[in-house]
Protein backbone atom coordinates (compact mmCIF):
# COMPACT_ATOMS: atom_id res chain seq x y z
CA MET A 1 -26.13 136.81 43.83
CA SER A 2 -26.88 140.01 45.73
CA GLN A 3 -29.53 142.34 44.35
CA SER A 4 -28.80 145.98 43.61
CA ILE A 5 -31.24 148.64 44.84
CA LEU A 6 -31.40 152.24 43.70
CA ARG A 7 -33.11 154.25 46.42
CA ILE A 8 -34.59 157.59 45.35
CA ASP A 9 -35.78 159.97 48.08
CA ALA A 10 -37.85 162.85 46.70
CA SER A 11 -39.48 164.33 49.80
CA ALA A 12 -38.36 167.84 50.66
CA ARG A 13 -38.50 166.79 54.31
CA THR A 14 -35.54 164.97 55.77
CA GLU A 15 -36.58 165.03 59.43
CA ASP A 16 -39.73 163.12 60.36
CA SER A 17 -40.41 162.24 56.72
CA VAL A 18 -43.07 159.54 56.42
CA SER A 19 -42.02 158.57 52.88
CA ARG A 20 -38.39 158.15 53.98
CA SER A 21 -39.53 155.97 56.89
CA LEU A 22 -41.56 153.81 54.49
CA THR A 23 -38.62 153.62 52.11
CA ASP A 24 -36.39 152.48 55.00
CA SER A 25 -38.86 149.67 55.64
CA ILE A 26 -38.96 148.63 51.99
CA VAL A 27 -35.18 148.56 51.63
CA ALA A 28 -34.92 146.53 54.87
CA ARG A 29 -37.07 143.81 53.20
CA PHE A 30 -34.11 143.14 50.88
CA GLY A 31 -31.40 142.35 53.43
CA GLY A 32 -27.99 141.92 51.90
CA ALA A 33 -28.75 144.01 48.82
CA THR A 34 -26.31 146.63 47.60
CA VAL A 35 -28.02 150.01 47.99
CA ILE A 36 -27.20 153.22 46.11
CA THR A 37 -29.05 156.25 47.49
CA ARG A 38 -29.94 159.35 45.51
CA ASP A 39 -31.50 162.11 47.64
CA LEU A 40 -33.26 164.51 45.29
CA SER A 41 -33.85 167.04 48.08
CA GLU A 42 -30.16 167.89 47.75
CA GLY A 43 -30.93 169.39 44.34
CA ILE A 44 -31.15 168.19 40.78
CA PRO A 45 -30.70 170.36 37.71
CA HIS A 46 -33.52 171.05 35.30
CA LEU A 47 -32.96 170.63 31.58
CA SER A 48 -31.23 173.39 29.66
CA GLU A 49 -30.88 174.26 25.98
CA THR A 50 -27.33 172.87 26.03
CA TRP A 51 -28.56 169.60 27.58
CA VAL A 52 -31.29 169.17 24.96
CA GLY A 53 -28.90 169.97 22.12
CA ALA A 54 -26.39 167.46 23.49
CA THR A 55 -28.94 164.65 23.53
CA PHE A 56 -29.54 165.15 19.80
CA THR A 57 -25.82 165.26 19.00
CA PRO A 58 -23.95 161.98 18.45
CA PRO A 59 -21.50 161.40 21.36
CA GLU A 60 -18.44 161.67 19.11
CA ASN A 61 -19.60 165.11 17.88
CA ARG A 62 -20.47 166.67 21.24
CA THR A 63 -18.61 169.72 22.40
CA ALA A 64 -16.93 169.75 25.81
CA GLN A 65 -19.81 171.94 27.04
CA GLN A 66 -22.39 169.43 25.78
CA ALA A 67 -20.54 166.50 27.34
CA GLU A 68 -20.43 168.38 30.64
CA ALA A 69 -24.15 169.17 30.38
CA LEU A 70 -24.91 165.43 30.08
CA SER A 71 -22.42 164.19 32.67
CA PHE A 72 -24.90 164.24 35.58
CA SER A 73 -27.58 162.60 33.43
CA ASP A 74 -25.05 159.92 32.45
CA GLU A 75 -24.44 159.26 36.16
CA LEU A 76 -28.17 158.93 36.89
CA VAL A 77 -28.71 156.65 33.88
CA ALA A 78 -25.82 154.42 34.98
CA GLU A 79 -27.42 154.13 38.44
CA ILE A 80 -30.79 153.05 37.11
CA LYS A 81 -29.27 150.65 34.57
CA ALA A 82 -27.24 148.96 37.31
CA ALA A 83 -30.24 148.54 39.63
CA ASP A 84 -32.39 145.42 39.84
CA ILE A 85 -34.91 147.22 42.08
CA ILE A 86 -35.70 150.93 42.24
CA VAL A 87 -37.31 152.13 45.46
CA ILE A 88 -38.80 155.62 45.22
CA GLY A 89 -39.98 157.45 48.32
CA SER A 90 -41.92 160.66 47.84
CA ALA A 91 -44.46 162.99 49.26
CA VAL A 92 -47.40 163.97 47.08
CA TYR A 93 -47.31 167.72 46.53
CA ASN A 94 -50.38 169.43 45.10
CA PHE A 95 -51.78 166.11 43.85
CA SER A 96 -48.65 165.20 41.90
CA LEU A 97 -44.88 164.69 41.91
CA PRO A 98 -42.36 166.98 43.56
CA SER A 99 -40.48 168.99 40.94
CA SER A 100 -37.26 167.23 41.97
CA LEU A 101 -38.69 163.83 41.00
CA LYS A 102 -39.92 165.23 37.67
CA ALA A 103 -36.42 166.66 37.08
CA TRP A 104 -34.92 163.20 37.77
CA ILE A 105 -37.33 161.67 35.24
CA ASP A 106 -36.33 164.32 32.69
CA GLN A 107 -32.64 163.57 33.29
CA ILE A 108 -33.02 159.81 32.76
CA SER A 109 -35.46 159.95 29.81
CA ARG A 110 -33.10 159.98 26.85
CA VAL A 111 -33.76 158.80 23.32
CA GLY A 112 -31.31 156.12 22.27
CA VAL A 113 -30.25 155.59 25.88
CA THR A 114 -33.32 154.67 27.96
CA PHE A 115 -35.87 154.48 25.14
CA LYS A 116 -35.82 154.38 21.35
CA TYR A 117 -38.25 155.03 18.55
CA GLY A 118 -39.13 151.74 16.87
CA GLU A 119 -40.81 151.15 13.53
CA ASN A 120 -44.32 151.41 14.98
CA SER A 121 -43.91 152.91 18.45
CA PRO A 122 -41.41 153.92 21.11
CA GLU A 123 -39.66 151.10 22.99
CA GLY A 124 -38.36 151.34 26.54
CA LEU A 125 -34.81 150.10 27.09
CA LEU A 126 -34.91 149.74 30.90
CA LYS A 127 -36.38 146.25 31.13
CA ASP A 128 -36.43 143.56 33.81
CA LYS A 129 -36.52 146.03 36.68
CA ARG A 130 -38.88 146.27 39.63
CA VAL A 131 -40.04 149.57 41.09
CA ILE A 132 -41.63 150.01 44.51
CA VAL A 133 -42.95 153.49 45.27
CA ALA A 134 -43.65 154.66 48.82
CA LEU A 135 -46.00 157.65 48.96
CA ALA A 136 -46.92 159.97 51.79
CA SER A 137 -49.86 162.32 51.40
CA GLY A 138 -52.14 164.35 53.58
CA GLY A 139 -55.19 163.13 51.70
CA THR A 140 -54.50 162.27 48.05
CA ALA A 141 -55.45 158.59 47.96
CA ILE A 142 -53.76 156.32 45.42
CA GLY A 143 -56.10 155.80 42.47
CA SER A 144 -58.45 158.64 43.38
CA ASP A 145 -59.74 161.03 40.72
CA TYR A 146 -57.32 163.69 41.97
CA ASP A 147 -54.26 161.40 42.10
CA HIS A 148 -52.04 162.71 39.30
CA PHE A 149 -48.91 161.14 40.81
CA THR A 150 -49.35 157.40 40.34
CA PRO A 151 -50.81 157.35 36.79
CA TYR A 152 -48.07 159.63 35.48
CA LEU A 153 -45.23 157.77 37.19
CA LYS A 154 -46.55 154.38 36.07
CA PHE A 155 -46.91 155.65 32.50
CA VAL A 156 -43.47 157.25 32.24
CA LEU A 157 -41.72 154.24 33.81
CA GLY A 158 -43.58 151.99 31.37
CA PHE A 159 -42.46 154.23 28.52
CA LEU A 160 -38.89 153.55 29.66
CA GLY A 161 -39.57 149.79 29.73
CA ILE A 162 -40.31 149.32 33.44
CA THR A 163 -43.70 147.67 33.86
CA ASP A 164 -43.34 146.03 37.30
CA VAL A 165 -44.41 149.01 39.44
CA GLN A 166 -46.01 148.76 42.89
CA PHE A 167 -47.31 151.61 45.04
CA VAL A 168 -47.52 151.64 48.84
CA GLY A 169 -49.01 154.68 50.47
CA ALA A 170 -49.67 156.40 53.74
CA THR A 171 -52.18 158.69 52.10
CA GLU A 172 -54.52 159.93 54.81
CA LEU A 173 -51.97 161.55 57.08
CA ALA A 174 -54.08 164.67 57.64
CA GLN A 175 -57.06 162.60 58.80
CA ASN A 176 -55.50 159.67 60.66
CA ALA A 177 -51.72 159.61 60.48
CA ASP A 178 -51.07 156.71 62.86
CA ALA A 179 -53.52 154.31 61.19
CA SER A 180 -52.32 155.31 57.72
CA ILE A 181 -48.67 154.63 58.59
CA VAL A 182 -49.52 151.30 60.24
CA ALA A 183 -51.52 150.24 57.16
CA ALA A 184 -48.65 151.18 54.82
CA LYS A 185 -46.07 149.32 56.92
CA THR A 186 -48.36 146.27 57.02
CA GLU A 187 -48.54 146.38 53.22
CA ILE A 188 -44.75 146.68 53.03
CA GLY A 189 -44.48 143.59 55.23
CA LYS A 190 -46.36 141.63 52.56
CA LEU A 191 -44.08 142.66 49.68
CA ALA A 192 -42.26 139.81 48.00
CA ALA A 193 -38.56 140.17 48.65
């Protein structure tokens, strides 16, 4: 059976983007997979008061305006639920996520839909999924004291039930771009497909 991949591109750059090149390489490791691509650089709405109100209103009681406010979120949630593997490609901006990737996380993080509050603690509902994240950074190394990208993303995905998260990075582009890209592509070549 063919695997389904959701590819998320979060870099603002479309031309000569290192993270998009790494993401291409990751997706190529899974030949024959069905790939859905979501390019966040094309724009993604931030949450609104109507959106928040709609999430706390039972579906059968939502107004037409509330249903419309959640329609894009519903589409994003359907994409992630259908995916076996999520491949996220992103630049690191100011030591953390691009705002577009944070907006995507906000859109898919919905109580009763992608997580629920259990008797003792929250429980993620997006289980049995694998995430591979390709990072590009001028100098923010994965796991460094000033890396606020990877801990946050790993935590929030875990909150949603996704615990199989791998990071691959070309993270010294300002110092030695060629060697950093070669090292990242070598690491990608070792990923289990």
